[in-house]
C-alpha atoms as a PDB file:
ATOM      1  CA  MET A   1      -2.681  46.584  14.438  1.00  0.00           C
ATOM      2  CA  THR A   2      -0.945  47.030  11.084  1.00  0.00           C
ATOM      3  CA  SER A   3       0.583  44.315   8.947  1.00  0.00           C
ATOM      4  CA  SER A   4       4.092  45.473   9.892  1.00  0.00           C
ATOM      5  CA  HIS A   5       3.497  44.060  13.408  1.00  0.00           C
ATOM      6  CA  HIS A   6       2.772  40.560  12.095  1.00  0.00           C
ATOM      7  CA  ALA A   7       5.427  37.901  11.774  1.00  0.00           C
ATOM      8  CA  GLU A   8       6.855  37.126   8.377  1.00  0.00           C
ATOM      9  CA  LEU A   9       5.807  33.895   6.677  1.00  0.00           C
ATOM     10  CA  VAL A  10       8.952  31.817   6.066  1.00  0.00           C
ATOM     11  CA  LEU A  11       8.724  29.149   3.355  1.00  0.00           C
ATOM     12  CA  SER A  12      11.343  26.664   2.241  1.00  0.00           C
ATOM     13  CA  ASP A  13      12.520  26.679  -1.373  1.00  0.00           C
ATOM     14  CA  GLU A  14      10.629  23.457  -2.002  1.00  0.00           C
ATOM     15  CA  GLU A  15       7.408  24.943  -0.590  1.00  0.00           C
ATOM     16  CA  LYS A  16       7.854  28.034  -2.765  1.00  0.00           C
ATOM     17  CA  ASP A  17       8.442  25.882  -5.851  1.00  0.00           C
ATOM     18  CA  LEU A  18       5.325  23.769  -5.258  1.00  0.00           C
ATOM     19  CA  LEU A  19       3.172  26.840  -4.641  1.00  0.00           C
ATOM     20  CA  ARG A  20       4.551  28.528  -7.759  1.00  0.00           C
ATOM     21  CA  LYS A  21       3.887  25.404  -9.885  1.00  0.00           C
ATOM     22  CA  GLU A  22       0.276  25.399  -8.721  1.00  0.00           C
ATOM     23  CA  GLY A  23      -0.091  29.121  -9.323  1.00  0.00           C
ATOM     24  CA  ILE A  24      -0.805  29.857  -5.676  1.00  0.00           C
ATOM     25  CA  GLN A  25       0.527  32.965  -4.005  1.00  0.00           C
ATOM     26  CA  LEU A  26       0.471  33.303  -0.227  1.00  0.00           C
ATOM     27  CA  PRO A  27       0.904  36.587   1.641  1.00  0.00           C
ATOM     28  CA  SER A  28       4.373  37.356   2.992  1.00  0.00           C
ATOM     29  CA  HIS A  29       3.144  37.971   6.538  1.00  0.00           C
ATOM     30  CA  LEU A  30       1.015  36.118   9.055  1.00  0.00           C
ATOM     31  CA  PRO A  31      -1.817  35.604   9.920  1.00  0.00           C
ATOM     32  CA  LEU A  32      -3.067  33.401   7.122  1.00  0.00           C
ATOM     33  CA  THR A  33      -6.718  32.801   6.384  1.00  0.00           C
ATOM     34  CA  ARG A  34      -8.127  29.328   6.994  1.00  0.00           C
ATOM     35  CA  GLU A  35      -8.020  28.590   3.283  1.00  0.00           C
ATOM     36  CA  GLU A  36      -4.378  29.714   3.031  1.00  0.00           C
ATOM     37  CA  GLU A  37      -3.474  27.577   6.072  1.00  0.00           C
ATOM     38  CA  LYS A  38      -5.190  24.603   4.459  1.00  0.00           C
ATOM     39  CA  ILE A  39      -3.196  25.091   1.241  1.00  0.00           C
ATOM     40  CA  LEU A  40       0.069  25.401   3.159  1.00  0.00           C
ATOM     41  CA  ARG A  41      -0.668  22.260   5.203  1.00  0.00           C
ATOM     42  CA  SER A  42      -1.409  20.389   1.983  1.00  0.00           C
ATOM     43  CA  VAL A  43       1.874  21.503   0.395  1.00  0.00           C
ATOM     44  CA  ARG A  44       3.863  20.561   3.493  1.00  0.00           C
ATOM     45  CA  ARG A  45       2.131  17.162   3.674  1.00  0.00           C
ATOM     46  CA  ARG A  46       3.015  16.432   0.043  1.00  0.00           C
ATOM     47  CA  ILE A  47       6.654  17.321   0.724  1.00  0.00           C
ATOM     48  CA  ARG A  48       6.717  15.051   3.801  1.00  0.00           C
ATOM     49  CA  ASN A  49       5.128  12.212   1.832  1.00  0.00           C
ATOM     50  CA  LYS A  50       7.595  12.655  -1.005  1.00  0.00           C
ATOM     51  CA  VAL A  51      10.543  12.591   1.398  1.00  0.00           C
ATOM     52  CA  GLY A  52       9.080   9.556   3.188  1.00  0.00           C
ATOM     53  CA  SER A  53       8.504   7.630  -0.009  1.00  0.00           C
ATOM     54  CA  CYS A  54      12.026   8.369  -1.220  1.00  0.00           C
ATOM     55  CA  GLY A  55      13.410   7.030   2.030  1.00  0.00           C
ATOM     56  CA  SER A  56      11.411   3.810   1.878  1.00  0.00           C
ATOM     57  CA  SER A  57      12.252   3.151  -1.766  1.00  0.00           C
ATOM     58  CA  LEU A  58      15.917   3.815  -1.018  1.00  0.00           C
ATOM     59  CA  SER A  59      15.938   1.348   1.857  1.00  0.00           C
ATOM     60  CA  PHE A  60      14.099  -1.144  -0.353  1.00  0.00           C
ATOM     61  CA  ARG A  61      16.785  -0.746  -3.021  1.00  0.00           C
ATOM     62  CA  LEU A  62      19.504  -1.142  -0.400  1.00  0.00           C
ATOM     63  CA  CYS A  63      17.817  -4.323   0.843  1.00  0.00           C
ATOM     64  CA  ASP A  64      17.712  -5.579  -2.741  1.00  0.00           C
ATOM     65  CA  VAL A  65      21.422  -4.923  -3.134  1.00  0.00           C
ATOM     66  CA  HIS A  66      22.229  -6.691   0.134  1.00  0.00           C
ATOM     67  CA  LEU A  67      20.024  -9.627  -0.830  1.00  0.00           C
ATOM     68  CA  PHE A  68      21.794  -9.843  -4.162  1.00  0.00           C
ATOM     69  CA  ASP A  69      25.169  -9.827  -2.369  1.00  0.00           C
ATOM     70  CA  ILE A  70      24.054 -12.582  -0.006  1.00  0.00           C
ATOM     71  CA  VAL A  71      22.779 -14.754  -2.869  1.00  0.00           C
ATOM     72  CA  TYR A  72      26.039 -14.184  -4.747  1.00  0.00           C
ATOM     73  CA  ILE A  73      28.103 -15.181  -1.694  1.00  0.00           C
ATOM     74  CA  ILE A  74      26.021 -18.335  -1.144  1.00  0.00           C
ATOM     75  CA  LYS A  75      26.385 -19.375  -4.781  1.00  0.00           C
ATOM     76  CA  LYS A  76      30.114 -18.696  -4.623  1.00  0.00           C
ATOM     77  CA  SER A  77      30.495 -20.759  -1.443  1.00  0.00           C
ATOM     78  CA  LYS A  78      28.518 -23.656  -2.979  1.00  0.00           C
ATOM     79  CA  LYS A  79      30.811 -23.627  -5.996  1.00  0.00           C
ATOM     80  CA  LEU A  80      33.831 -23.650  -3.723  1.00  0.00           C
ATOM     81  CA  SER A  81      32.483 -26.523  -1.644  1.00  0.00           C
ATOM     82  CA  THR A  82      31.710 -28.487  -4.817  1.00  0.00           C
ATOM     83  CA  PHE A  83      35.205 -27.760  -6.092  1.00  0.00           C
ATOM     84  CA  LYS A  84      36.752 -28.950  -2.805  1.00  0.00           C
ATOM     85  CA  LYS A  85      34.807 -32.225  -2.991  1.00  0.00           C
ATOM     86  CA  TRP A  86      36.310 -33.002  -6.379  1.00  0.00           C
ATOM     87  CA  SER A  87      39.891 -32.197  -5.429  1.00  0.00           C
END
């Protein structure tokens, strides 16, 4: 069986960038060796972790913003209630 019968290895732009930064070059067609599969799994795991951490930090920041809004509203309502008592 020649290499032309093997499926092409399709990588995302982010996977290509990470591999290029590390100086790793994978073949353009499957099958991959065990070592190449291990490298590819590692790259994909790092991308997943990066995406996951961005999502959690974003939701944390959104929670911070909402908390700030709630505190602001409470302070504003206390000032209004104090103002109403004096009038």
